[in-house]
Amino acid sequence: MTARPKPLKLGCSYGVRFSPDGTRLAVLGRDLVLWDVAARQKLWRGKFIAHMSGMAFSPDGSQLAIKSTTGQMAVVDAQAGQLLLNFRNKKDGEGCGPAWSPCGRYLADGGWDGSLRLREAQTGEVLFTQVHAGEMLRAIHTIDAVDGGRRLLVLHGVKSVDEGLLQPPDYCSVWDWPLRTGGGRVVLSLPGLMSCAPSPDGEYLAVLHHAGGTEFLSMYALADGCCLGKVPVEAGGGTGNGLRWLPDGSALGRIGKGKLLFYGWPGLGVLAQDAFTYPCALDFLPGSPLAAIGSWEAGMLMDVNVYKETA
């Protein structure tokens, strides 16, 4: 019997993401680091822009898009670990993203000023902008599904209104590529939305939200917004709201307060939970028990037993 490899220490890691073919792992911390998953070897390390906060592999895995806390974006050659293009767009301000188009030619990202932008990935030229006044675009997800990732899901956080006015609910919109003005379709409106995650097959949308002082994990059908399940969950803390589906769609991983929690689907029952120090990011390797866990202190690449019984 072949012994399982020991967990690999990733250090301080704000973001973790496996390449599309699963052979490499990108780890975003003070630097951007690329690992060979099978060999457990570091391929390269680079600090391409200051204060990196978000990243995404291109569909073919050849490039990495990165974004900073100031909104600055850049594209890195994932093979050589070299900067290909700095967009020099610091004035755009903080926000979410980036996300690649399925053809790999374009990059979308969102701003905390409500701006949804589309850029040419090889030049940085802005091709499309739509401003959502009074909102923060808090997250962007590519809906992979069977259609080759031809949709984009955006989480809209509606900013507080003046006293005495009715607070509109937060909501999620779905966009088809290529992005066009007015092209977004609202698929879910819900007060207190904290995070969301579309399922791998594009059928479901898992959301964490709060109401009446209680946090809930709920499941909705993406096609019609129908609620399919809802359970109260323990409150998170700090970055304790992140959701990530297992690649086979059988369960959801959640970043909790000092722990990882796994909820089965259907049902949303707790399958497992593991203590972890300051977790903040999560990704799974398809067809494998391997999970990359980002942590503000000490991330890990390790096997995760999702289907063990909890005490």
C-alpha atoms as a PDB file:
ATOM      1  CA  MET A   1       0.000   0.000   0.000  1.00  0.00           C
ATOM      2  CA  THR A   2       1.359   3.414  -0.965  1.00  0.00           C
ATOM      3  CA  ALA A   3       1.656   5.799   1.969  1.00  0.00           C
ATOM      4  CA  ARG A   4      -0.138   9.096   1.612  1.00  0.00           C
ATOM      5  CA  PRO A   5       2.177  12.092   1.423  1.00  0.00           C
ATOM      6  CA  LYS A   6       2.446  14.313   4.460  1.00  0.00           C
ATOM      7  CA  PRO A   7       0.622  17.649   4.450  1.00  0.00           C
ATOM      8  CA  LEU A   8       2.558  20.351   2.631  1.00  0.00           C
ATOM      9  CA  LYS A   9       2.959  23.623   4.495  1.00  0.00           C
ATOM     10  CA  LEU A  10       1.981  26.608   2.332  1.00  0.00           C
ATOM     11  CA  GLY A  11       2.704  29.399   4.815  1.00  0.00           C
ATOM     12  CA  CYS A  12       0.633  32.571   4.961  1.00  0.00           C
ATOM     13  CA  SER A  13      -1.847  32.143   2.107  1.00  0.00           C
ATOM     14  CA  TYR A  14      -4.779  34.466   1.395  1.00  0.00           C
ATOM     15  CA  GLY A  15      -5.838  32.512  -1.684  1.00  0.00           C
ATOM     16  CA  VAL A  16      -5.361  29.000  -3.087  1.00  0.00           C
ATOM     17  CA  ARG A  17      -6.315  27.701  -6.509  1.00  0.00           C
ATOM     18  CA  PHE A  18      -5.566  24.502  -8.447  1.00  0.00           C
ATOM     19  CA  SER A  19      -4.807  24.831 -12.157  1.00  0.00           C
ATOM     20  CA  PRO A  20      -7.516  23.544 -14.548  1.00  0.00           C
ATOM     21  CA  ASP A  21      -5.579  20.305 -15.136  1.00  0.00           C
ATOM     22  CA  GLY A  22      -4.868  19.859 -11.414  1.00  0.00           C
ATOM     23  CA  THR A  23      -1.094  19.583 -11.790  1.00  0.00           C
ATOM     24  CA  ARG A  24      -0.229  22.916 -10.170  1.00  0.00           C
ATOM     25  CA  LEU A  25      -1.343  24.924  -7.174  1.00  0.00           C
ATOM     26  CA  ALA A  26      -1.195  28.720  -7.025  1.00  0.00           C
ATOM     27  CA  VAL A  27      -0.842  30.180  -3.531  1.00  0.00           C
ATOM     28  CA  LEU A  28      -1.377  33.883  -2.963  1.00  0.00           C
ATOM     29  CA  GLY A  29       0.243  35.377   0.124  1.00  0.00           C
ATOM     30  CA  ARG A  30       2.836  38.074   0.480  1.00  0.00           C
ATOM     31  CA  ASP A  31       4.127  36.635  -2.820  1.00  0.00           C
ATOM     32  CA  LEU A  32       2.501  34.525  -5.534  1.00  0.00           C
ATOM     33  CA  VAL A  33       3.877  30.977  -5.435  1.00  0.00           C
ATOM     34  CA  LEU A  34       3.290  28.123  -7.886  1.00  0.00           C
ATOM     35  CA  TRP A  35       3.671  24.522  -6.700  1.00  0.00           C
ATOM     36  CA  ASP A  36       3.971  21.234  -8.565  1.00  0.00           C
ATOM     37  CA  VAL A  37       1.217  19.220  -6.837  1.00  0.00           C
ATOM     38  CA  ALA A  38       2.573  15.701  -7.467  1.00  0.00           C
ATOM     39  CA  ALA A  39       6.217  16.510  -6.709  1.00  0.00           C
ATOM     40  CA  ARG A  40       5.379  18.883  -3.814  1.00  0.00           C
ATOM     41  CA  GLN A  41       7.974  21.256  -5.211  1.00  0.00           C
ATOM     42  CA  LYS A  42       7.924  25.001  -5.552  1.00  0.00           C
ATOM     43  CA  LEU A  43       8.181  25.998  -9.220  1.00  0.00           C
ATOM     44  CA  TRP A  44       8.522  29.741  -8.792  1.00  0.00           C
ATOM     45  CA  ARG A  45       7.808  32.679  -6.504  1.00  0.00           C
ATOM     46  CA  GLY A  46       7.134  36.280  -7.523  1.00  0.00           C
ATOM     47  CA  LYS A  47       5.858  39.612  -6.242  1.00  0.00           C
ATOM     48  CA  PHE A  48       4.385  41.114  -9.400  1.00  0.00           C
ATOM     49  CA  ILE A  49       2.210  43.871  -7.920  1.00  0.00           C
ATOM     50  CA  ALA A  50       1.837  45.170  -4.370  1.00  0.00           C
ATOM     51  CA  HIS A  51      -0.860  43.898  -1.990  1.00  0.00           C
ATOM     52  CA  MET A  52      -2.156  41.038  -4.150  1.00  0.00           C
ATOM     53  CA  SER A  53      -5.611  39.882  -3.040  1.00  0.00           C
ATOM     54  CA  GLY A  54      -7.250  37.869  -5.858  1.00  0.00           C
ATOM     55  CA  MET A  55      -6.229  35.512  -8.663  1.00  0.00           C
ATOM     56  CA  ALA A  56      -7.585  33.201 -11.356  1.00  0.00           C
ATOM     57  CA  PHE A  57      -6.071  30.714 -13.806  1.00  0.00           C
ATOM     58  CA  SER A  58      -6.897  31.184 -17.486  1.00  0.00           C
ATOM     59  CA  PRO A  59      -9.041  28.342 -18.939  1.00  0.00           C
ATOM     60  CA  ASP A  60      -5.995  26.639 -20.477  1.00  0.00           C
ATOM     61  CA  GLY A  61      -3.897  27.162 -17.330  1.00  0.00           C
ATOM     62  CA  SER A  62      -1.163  29.066 -19.166  1.00  0.00           C
ATOM     63  CA  GLN A  63      -1.712  32.395 -17.387  1.00  0.00           C
ATOM     64  CA  LEU A  64      -2.647  33.751 -13.977  1.00  0.00           C
ATOM     65  CA  ALA A  65      -4.584  36.978 -13.557  1.00  0.00           C
ATOM     66  CA  ILE A  66      -3.984  38.769 -10.259  1.00  0.00           C
ATOM     67  CA  LYS A  67      -5.645  41.735  -8.576  1.00  0.00           C
ATOM     68  CA  SER A  68      -4.526  43.924  -5.672  1.00  0.00           C
ATOM     69  CA  THR A  69      -6.369  45.575  -2.816  1.00  0.00           C
ATOM     70  CA  THR A  70      -6.109  48.856  -4.756  1.00  0.00           C
ATOM     71  CA  GLY A  71      -7.808  47.292  -7.793  1.00  0.00           C
ATOM     72  CA  GLN A  72      -4.616  47.005  -9.840  1.00  0.00           C
ATOM     73  CA  MET A  73      -4.561  44.011 -12.180  1.00  0.00           C
ATOM     74  CA  ALA A  74      -1.824  42.091 -13.968  1.00  0.00           C
ATOM     75  CA  VAL A  75      -1.319  38.903 -15.987  1.00  0.00           C
ATOM     76  CA  VAL A  76       1.490  36.427 -15.245  1.00  0.00           C
ATOM     77  CA  ASP A  77       2.918  33.620 -17.405  1.00  0.00           C
ATOM     78  CA  ALA A  78       2.088  30.570 -15.273  1.00  0.00           C
ATOM     79  CA  GLN A  79       4.835  28.446 -16.827  1.00  0.00           C
ATOM     80  CA  ALA A  80       7.735  30.871 -16.544  1.00  0.00           C
ATOM     81  CA  GLY A  81       6.578  32.912 -13.552  1.00  0.00           C
ATOM     82  CA  GLN A  82       7.097  36.154 -15.459  1.00  0.00           C
ATOM     83  CA  LEU A  83       4.950  39.275 -15.618  1.00  0.00           C
ATOM     84  CA  LEU A  84       3.260  39.575 -19.016  1.00  0.00           C
ATOM     85  CA  LEU A  85       1.230  42.744 -18.473  1.00  0.00           C
ATOM     86  CA  ASN A  86       0.596  45.274 -15.703  1.00  0.00           C
ATOM     87  CA  PHE A  87      -2.723  47.023 -16.337  1.00  0.00           C
ATOM     88  CA  ARG A  88      -1.625  50.065 -14.249  1.00  0.00           C
ATOM     89  CA  ASN A  89      -5.212  50.685 -13.167  1.00  0.00           C
ATOM     90  CA  LYS A  90      -4.764  51.599  -9.494  1.00  0.00           C
ATOM     91  CA  LYS A  91      -7.423  54.313  -9.712  1.00  0.00           C
ATOM     92  CA  ASP A  92     -10.158  51.705 -10.226  1.00  0.00           C
ATOM     93  CA  GLY A  93     -10.119  50.995  -6.491  1.00  0.00           C
ATOM     94  CA  GLU A  94     -10.689  47.869  -4.438  1.00  0.00           C
ATOM     95  CA  GLY A  95     -13.099  45.151  -5.476  1.00  0.00           C
ATOM     96  CA  CYS A  96     -13.538  41.492  -6.445  1.00  0.00           C
ATOM     97  CA  GLY A  97     -12.376  39.193  -9.196  1.00  0.00           C
ATOM     98  CA  PRO A  98     -10.707  38.626 -11.587  1.00  0.00           C
ATOM     99  CA  ALA A  99     -12.561  36.079 -13.764  1.00  0.00           C
ATOM    100  CA  TRP A 100     -11.625  34.875 -17.245  1.00  0.00           C
ATOM    101  CA  SER A 101     -13.913  34.541 -20.237  1.00  0.00           C
ATOM    102  CA  PRO A 102     -14.195  30.921 -21.532  1.00  0.00           C
ATOM    103  CA  CYS A 103     -12.114  31.823 -24.595  1.00  0.00           C
ATOM    104  CA  GLY A 104      -9.281  33.186 -22.420  1.00  0.00           C
ATOM    105  CA  ARG A 105      -9.165  36.541 -24.221  1.00  0.00           C
ATOM    106  CA  TYR A 106     -10.987  38.698 -21.683  1.00  0.00           C
ATOM    107  CA  LEU A 107     -10.968  39.431 -17.954  1.00  0.00           C
ATOM    108  CA  ALA A 108     -13.885  40.625 -15.847  1.00  0.00           C
ATOM    109  CA  ASP A 109     -13.706  42.156 -12.388  1.00  0.00           C
ATOM    110  CA  GLY A 110     -15.952  44.072 -10.033  1.00  0.00           C
ATOM    111  CA  GLY A 111     -15.418  47.176  -7.922  1.00  0.00           C
ATOM    112  CA  TRP A 112     -16.618  48.205  -4.510  1.00  0.00           C
ATOM    113  CA  ASP A 113     -17.919  51.285  -6.303  1.00  0.00           C
ATOM    114  CA  GLY A 114     -20.397  49.051  -8.159  1.00  0.00           C
ATOM    115  CA  SER A 115     -18.478  48.906 -11.455  1.00  0.00           C
ATOM    116  CA  LEU A 116     -18.426  45.718 -13.521  1.00  0.00           C
ATOM    117  CA  ARG A 117     -15.628  45.868 -16.092  1.00  0.00           C
ATOM    118  CA  LEU A 118     -14.444  43.743 -18.993  1.00  0.00           C
ATOM    119  CA  ARG A 119     -10.891  44.062 -20.307  1.00  0.00           C
ATOM    120  CA  GLU A 120      -8.798  42.666 -23.127  1.00  0.00           C
ATOM    121  CA  ALA A 121      -6.423  40.307 -21.281  1.00  0.00           C
ATOM    122  CA  GLN A 122      -3.448  40.928 -23.592  1.00  0.00           C
ATOM    123  CA  THR A 123      -3.635  44.740 -23.571  1.00  0.00           C
ATOM    124  CA  GLY A 124      -5.664  45.765 -20.513  1.00  0.00           C
ATOM    125  CA  GLU A 125      -8.009  47.833 -22.701  1.00  0.00           C
ATOM    126  CA  VAL A 126     -11.413  48.365 -21.061  1.00  0.00           C
ATOM    127  CA  LEU A 127     -14.074  47.077 -23.449  1.00  0.00           C
ATOM    128  CA  PHE A 128     -17.168  47.328 -21.259  1.00  0.00           C
ATOM    129  CA  THR A 129     -18.212  49.006 -17.994  1.00  0.00           C
ATOM    130  CA  GLN A 130     -21.529  48.960 -16.194  1.00  0.00           C
ATOM    131  CA  VAL A 131     -21.897  50.920 -12.959  1.00  0.00           C
ATOM    132  CA  HIS A 132     -24.355  49.724 -10.324  1.00  0.00           C
ATOM    133  CA  ALA A 133     -24.921  52.864  -8.253  1.00  0.00           C
ATOM    134  CA  GLY A 134     -25.191  52.384  -4.504  1.00  0.00           C
ATOM    135  CA  GLU A 135     -23.762  48.867  -4.623  1.00  0.00           C
ATOM    136  CA  MET A 136     -20.570  46.932  -3.902  1.00  0.00           C
ATOM    137  CA  LEU A 137     -19.727  44.059  -6.229  1.00  0.00           C
ATOM    138  CA  ARG A 138     -18.468  41.637  -3.593  1.00  0.00           C
ATOM    139  CA  ALA A 139     -17.741  38.498  -5.619  1.00  0.00           C
ATOM    140  CA  ILE A 140     -17.549  37.155  -9.166  1.00  0.00           C
ATOM    141  CA  HIS A 141     -17.801  33.444 -10.011  1.00  0.00           C
ATOM    142  CA  THR A 142     -17.457  31.659 -13.324  1.00  0.00           C
ATOM    143  CA  ILE A 143     -20.297  29.167 -13.704  1.00  0.00           C
ATOM    144  CA  ASP A 144     -18.400  26.233 -15.195  1.00  0.00           C
ATOM    145  CA  ALA A 145     -21.215  23.741 -15.735  1.00  0.00           C
ATOM    146  CA  VAL A 146     -21.636  21.794 -18.961  1.00  0.00           C
ATOM    147  CA  ASP A 147     -21.685  24.944 -21.073  1.00  0.00           C
ATOM    148  CA  GLY A 148     -17.944  25.571 -20.731  1.00  0.00           C
ATOM    149  CA  GLY A 149     -18.152  28.430 -18.239  1.00  0.00           C
ATOM    150  CA  ARG A 150     -20.154  30.699 -20.513  1.00  0.00           C
ATOM    151  CA  ARG A 151     -21.861  32.461 -17.651  1.00  0.00           C
ATOM    152  CA  LEU A 152     -20.689  34.767 -14.886  1.00  0.00           C
ATOM    153  CA  LEU A 153     -22.337  35.144 -11.480  1.00  0.00           C
ATOM    154  CA  VAL A 154     -21.981  38.444  -9.621  1.00  0.00           C
ATOM    155  CA  LEU A 155     -22.788  39.028  -5.937  1.00  0.00           C
ATOM    156  CA  HIS A 156     -24.190  42.543  -5.408  1.00  0.00           C
ATOM    157  CA  GLY A 157     -24.065  44.052  -1.942  1.00  0.00           C
ATOM    158  CA  VAL A 158     -26.469  46.981  -1.657  1.00  0.00           C
ATOM    159  CA  LYS A 159     -25.022  49.811   0.438  1.00  0.00           C
ATOM    160  CA  SER A 160     -26.951  51.170   3.407  1.00  0.00           C
ATOM    161  CA  VAL A 161     -29.592  53.765   2.616  1.00  0.00           C
ATOM    162  CA  ASP A 162     -30.484  56.873   4.594  1.00  0.00           C
ATOM    163  CA  GLU A 163     -32.451  56.471   7.807  1.00  0.00           C
ATOM    164  CA  GLY A 164     -36.161  56.110   7.169  1.00  0.00           C
ATOM    165  CA  LEU A 165     -35.725  54.593   3.700  1.00  0.00           C
ATOM    166  CA  LEU A 166     -36.370  50.935   2.914  1.00  0.00           C
ATOM    167  CA  GLN A 167     -33.148  48.926   2.580  1.00  0.00           C
ATOM    168  CA  PRO A 168     -33.169  47.021  -0.753  1.00  0.00           C
ATOM    169  CA  PRO A 169     -32.077  43.361  -0.566  1.00  0.00           C
ATOM    170  CA  ASP A 170     -28.695  42.139  -1.764  1.00  0.00           C
ATOM    171  CA  TYR A 171     -28.851  40.045  -4.921  1.00  0.00           C
ATOM    172  CA  CYS A 172     -27.039  37.824  -7.411  1.00  0.00           C
ATOM    173  CA  SER A 173     -27.032  38.347 -11.168  1.00  0.00           C
ATOM    174  CA  VAL A 174     -26.003  36.039 -14.002  1.00  0.00           C
ATOM    175  CA  TRP A 175     -24.307  37.340 -17.162  1.00  0.00           C
ATOM    176  CA  ASP A 176     -23.722  35.614 -20.472  1.00  0.00           C
ATOM    177  CA  TRP A 177     -20.475  36.082 -22.368  1.00  0.00           C
ATOM    178  CA  PRO A 178     -19.734  38.432 -23.984  1.00  0.00           C
ATOM    179  CA  LEU A 179     -20.812  40.964 -21.334  1.00  0.00           C
ATOM    180  CA  ARG A 180     -23.139  43.645 -22.645  1.00  0.00           C
ATOM    181  CA  THR A 181     -24.836  46.696 -21.134  1.00  0.00           C
ATOM    182  CA  GLY A 182     -27.991  45.636 -19.341  1.00  0.00           C
ATOM    183  CA  GLY A 183     -27.128  41.980 -19.841  1.00  0.00           C
ATOM    184  CA  GLY A 184     -27.301  40.853 -16.227  1.00  0.00           C
ATOM    185  CA  ARG A 185     -30.276  38.781 -15.069  1.00  0.00           C
ATOM    186  CA  VAL A 186     -31.226  38.783 -11.357  1.00  0.00           C
ATOM    187  CA  VAL A 187     -31.471  35.176 -10.147  1.00  0.00           C
ATOM    188  CA  LEU A 188     -31.797  35.726  -6.388  1.00  0.00           C
ATOM    189  CA  SER A 189     -32.691  38.676  -4.119  1.00  0.00           C
ATOM    190  CA  LEU A 190     -32.117  38.130  -0.413  1.00  0.00           C
ATOM    191  CA  PRO A 191     -31.380  40.477   2.518  1.00  0.00           C
ATOM    192  CA  GLY A 192     -28.128  39.854   4.366  1.00  0.00           C
ATOM    193  CA  LEU A 193     -26.281  37.919   1.651  1.00  0.00           C
ATOM    194  CA  MET A 194     -22.715  37.217   2.788  1.00  0.00           C
ATOM    195  CA  SER A 195     -21.322  34.777   0.226  1.00  0.00           C
ATOM    196  CA  CYS A 196     -22.422  32.450  -2.563  1.00  0.00           C
ATOM    197  CA  ALA A 197     -21.141  29.564  -4.680  1.00  0.00           C
ATOM    198  CA  PRO A 198     -22.669  28.127  -7.886  1.00  0.00           C
ATOM    199  CA  SER A 199     -22.504  24.319  -8.092  1.00  0.00           C
ATOM    200  CA  PRO A 200     -20.109  22.646 -10.561  1.00  0.00           C
ATOM    201  CA  ASP A 201     -22.994  21.617 -12.833  1.00  0.00           C
ATOM    202  CA  GLY A 202     -24.508  25.114 -12.806  1.00  0.00           C
ATOM    203  CA  GLU A 203     -27.841  23.938 -11.363  1.00  0.00           C
ATOM    204  CA  TYR A 204     -27.635  25.225  -7.793  1.00  0.00           C
ATOM    205  CA  LEU A 205     -26.575  28.326  -5.906  1.00  0.00           C
ATOM    206  CA  ALA A 206     -25.462  27.912  -2.289  1.00  0.00           C
ATOM    207  CA  VAL A 207     -25.595  31.069  -0.181  1.00  0.00           C
ATOM    208  CA  LEU A 208     -24.678  32.110   3.340  1.00  0.00           C
ATOM    209  CA  HIS A 209     -26.951  34.838   4.666  1.00  0.00           C
ATOM    210  CA  HIS A 210     -28.198  36.258   7.950  1.00  0.00           C
ATOM    211  CA  ALA A 211     -31.635  37.183   9.203  1.00  0.00           C
ATOM    212  CA  GLY A 212     -32.898  38.065  12.667  1.00  0.00           C
ATOM    213  CA  GLY A 213     -29.490  37.550  14.256  1.00  0.00           C
ATOM    214  CA  THR A 214     -29.097  34.012  12.826  1.00  0.00           C
ATOM    215  CA  GLU A 215     -26.889  32.815   9.989  1.00  0.00           C
ATOM    216  CA  PHE A 216     -28.248  30.367   7.422  1.00  0.00           C
ATOM    217  CA  LEU A 217     -26.896  28.168   4.655  1.00  0.00           C
ATOM    218  CA  SER A 218     -29.481  27.926   1.879  1.00  0.00           C
ATOM    219  CA  MET A 219     -29.679  26.268  -1.513  1.00  0.00           C
ATOM    220  CA  TYR A 220     -31.475  27.734  -4.521  1.00  0.00           C
ATOM    221  CA  ALA A 221     -32.135  26.569  -8.057  1.00  0.00           C
ATOM    222  CA  LEU A 222     -30.233  28.842 -10.428  1.00  0.00           C
ATOM    223  CA  ALA A 223     -32.833  28.455 -13.172  1.00  0.00           C
ATOM    224  CA  ASP A 224     -35.787  29.911 -11.251  1.00  0.00           C
ATOM    225  CA  GLY A 225     -34.534  31.032  -7.816  1.00  0.00           C
ATOM    226  CA  CYS A 226     -36.603  28.393  -5.990  1.00  0.00           C
ATOM    227  CA  CYS A 227     -35.394  27.661  -2.431  1.00  0.00           C
ATOM    228  CA  LEU A 228     -34.498  23.956  -2.157  1.00  0.00           C
ATOM    229  CA  GLY A 229     -33.147  23.839   1.391  1.00  0.00           C
ATOM    230  CA  LYS A 230     -32.260  26.030   4.361  1.00  0.00           C
ATOM    231  CA  VAL A 231     -30.455  25.272   7.641  1.00  0.00           C
ATOM    232  CA  PRO A 232     -29.225  27.507  10.480  1.00  0.00           C
ATOM    233  CA  VAL A 233     -25.440  27.427  10.905  1.00  0.00           C
ATOM    234  CA  GLU A 234     -23.016  28.639  13.506  1.00  0.00           C
ATOM    235  CA  ALA A 235     -21.743  32.159  12.986  1.00  0.00           C
ATOM    236  CA  GLY A 236     -18.474  32.687  11.198  1.00  0.00           C
ATOM    237  CA  GLY A 237     -15.882  35.287  12.041  1.00  0.00           C
ATOM    238  CA  GLY A 238     -13.472  37.419  10.037  1.00  0.00           C
ATOM    239  CA  THR A 239     -13.236  35.589   6.711  1.00  0.00           C
ATOM    240  CA  GLY A 240     -15.496  32.811   8.006  1.00  0.00           C
ATOM    241  CA  ASN A 241     -18.034  33.045   5.210  1.00  0.00           C
ATOM    242  CA  GLY A 242     -16.259  31.427   2.258  1.00  0.00           C
ATOM    243  CA  LEU A 243     -18.004  28.588   0.384  1.00  0.00           C
ATOM    244  CA  ARG A 244     -16.488  26.083  -2.048  1.00  0.00           C
ATOM    245  CA  TRP A 245     -18.138  23.071  -3.697  1.00  0.00           C
ATOM    246  CA  LEU A 246     -16.436  19.716  -3.948  1.00  0.00           C
ATOM    247  CA  PRO A 247     -15.830  19.068  -7.674  1.00  0.00           C
ATOM    248  CA  ASP A 248     -18.405  16.246  -7.811  1.00  0.00           C
ATOM    249  CA  GLY A 249     -21.138  18.476  -6.350  1.00  0.00           C
ATOM    250  CA  SER A 250     -21.810  16.139  -3.404  1.00  0.00           C
ATOM    251  CA  ALA A 251     -20.845  18.578  -0.648  1.00  0.00           C
ATOM    252  CA  LEU A 252     -19.875  22.128   0.235  1.00  0.00           C
ATOM    253  CA  GLY A 253     -16.816  23.244   2.153  1.00  0.00           C
ATOM    254  CA  ARG A 254     -17.159  26.305   4.347  1.00  0.00           C
ATOM    255  CA  ILE A 255     -14.563  28.491   5.997  1.00  0.00           C
ATOM    256  CA  GLY A 256     -15.748  28.669   9.614  1.00  0.00           C
ATOM    257  CA  LYS A 257     -14.398  30.396  12.708  1.00  0.00           C
ATOM    258  CA  GLY A 258     -11.224  28.455  13.423  1.00  0.00           C
ATOM    259  CA  LYS A 259     -12.506  25.415  11.553  1.00  0.00           C
ATOM    260  CA  LEU A 260     -13.545  23.899   8.235  1.00  0.00           C
ATOM    261  CA  LEU A 261     -17.093  22.583   7.911  1.00  0.00           C
ATOM    262  CA  PHE A 262     -18.490  20.305   5.217  1.00  0.00           C
ATOM    263  CA  TYR A 263     -22.196  20.114   4.354  1.00  0.00           C
ATOM    264  CA  GLY A 264     -23.679  17.350   2.212  1.00  0.00           C
ATOM    265  CA  TRP A 265     -25.993  17.973  -0.705  1.00  0.00           C
ATOM    266  CA  PRO A 266     -28.820  17.144  -0.873  1.00  0.00           C
ATOM    267  CA  GLY A 267     -29.808  17.832   2.731  1.00  0.00           C
ATOM    268  CA  LEU A 268     -27.177  20.340   3.952  1.00  0.00           C
ATOM    269  CA  GLY A 269     -26.343  18.150   6.945  1.00  0.00           C
ATOM    270  CA  VAL A 270     -22.883  18.514   8.499  1.00  0.00           C
ATOM    271  CA  LEU A 271     -20.654  15.699   7.204  1.00  0.00           C
ATOM    272  CA  ALA A 272     -17.440  16.688   8.951  1.00  0.00           C
ATOM    273  CA  GLN A 273     -15.624  19.522  10.662  1.00  0.00           C
ATOM    274  CA  ASP A 274     -11.936  20.034  11.340  1.00  0.00           C
ATOM    275  CA  ALA A 275     -10.171  22.581  13.503  1.00  0.00           C
ATOM    276  CA  PHE A 276      -7.862  24.866  11.537  1.00  0.00           C
ATOM    277  CA  THR A 277      -5.959  28.005  12.486  1.00  0.00           C
ATOM    278  CA  TYR A 278      -7.237  31.188  10.790  1.00  0.00           C
ATOM    279  CA  PRO A 279      -8.618  29.557   7.615  1.00  0.00           C
ATOM    280  CA  CYS A 280      -9.476  31.986   4.810  1.00  0.00           C
ATOM    281  CA  ALA A 281      -9.476  30.085   1.464  1.00  0.00           C
ATOM    282  CA  LEU A 282     -10.296  26.623   0.167  1.00  0.00           C
ATOM    283  CA  ASP A 283      -9.984  24.614  -3.060  1.00  0.00           C
ATOM    284  CA  PHE A 284     -10.321  20.929  -3.955  1.00  0.00           C
ATOM    285  CA  LEU A 285      -8.453  18.762  -6.455  1.00  0.00           C
ATOM    286  CA  PRO A 286     -10.948  16.865  -8.668  1.00  0.00           C
ATOM    287  CA  GLY A 287     -10.910  13.084  -8.260  1.00  0.00           C
ATOM    288  CA  SER A 288      -8.717  13.265  -5.170  1.00  0.00           C
ATOM    289  CA  PRO A 289      -9.010  13.782  -1.383  1.00  0.00           C
ATOM    290  CA  LEU A 290      -6.483  16.623  -1.690  1.00  0.00           C
ATOM    291  CA  ALA A 291      -7.562  20.059  -0.537  1.00  0.00           C
ATOM    292  CA  ALA A 292      -5.634  23.318  -0.479  1.00  0.00           C
ATOM    293  CA  ILE A 293      -6.473  25.352   2.614  1.00  0.00           C
ATOM    294  CA  GLY A 294      -5.422  28.965   2.828  1.00  0.00           C
ATOM    295  CA  SER A 295      -4.705  30.491   6.219  1.00  0.00           C
ATOM    296  CA  TRP A 296      -3.654  33.899   7.481  1.00  0.00           C
ATOM    297  CA  GLU A 297      -1.020  32.013   9.490  1.00  0.00           C
ATOM    298  CA  ALA A 298      -0.173  28.611   7.962  1.00  0.00           C
ATOM    299  CA  GLY A 299      -1.948  27.115   4.943  1.00  0.00           C
ATOM    300  CA  MET A 300      -1.785  23.437   4.002  1.00  0.00           C
ATOM    301  CA  LEU A 301      -2.063  21.073   1.053  1.00  0.00           C
ATOM    302  CA  MET A 302      -3.488  17.939   2.636  1.00  0.00           C
ATOM    303  CA  ASP A 303      -5.961  15.058   2.382  1.00  0.00           C
ATOM    304  CA  VAL A 304      -9.397  15.896   3.750  1.00  0.00           C
ATOM    305  CA  ASN A 305     -11.890  13.235   4.861  1.00  0.00           C
ATOM    306  CA  VAL A 306     -15.217  14.911   4.132  1.00  0.00           C
ATOM    307  CA  TYR A 307     -17.385  11.865   4.753  1.00  0.00           C
ATOM    308  CA  LYS A 308     -16.353  10.982   8.288  1.00  0.00           C
ATOM    309  CA  GLU A 309     -18.938  11.124  11.047  1.00  0.00           C
ATOM    310  CA  THR A 310     -18.952  14.074  13.429  1.00  0.00           C
ATOM    311  CA  ALA A 311     -19.077  13.688  17.175  1.00  0.00           C
END
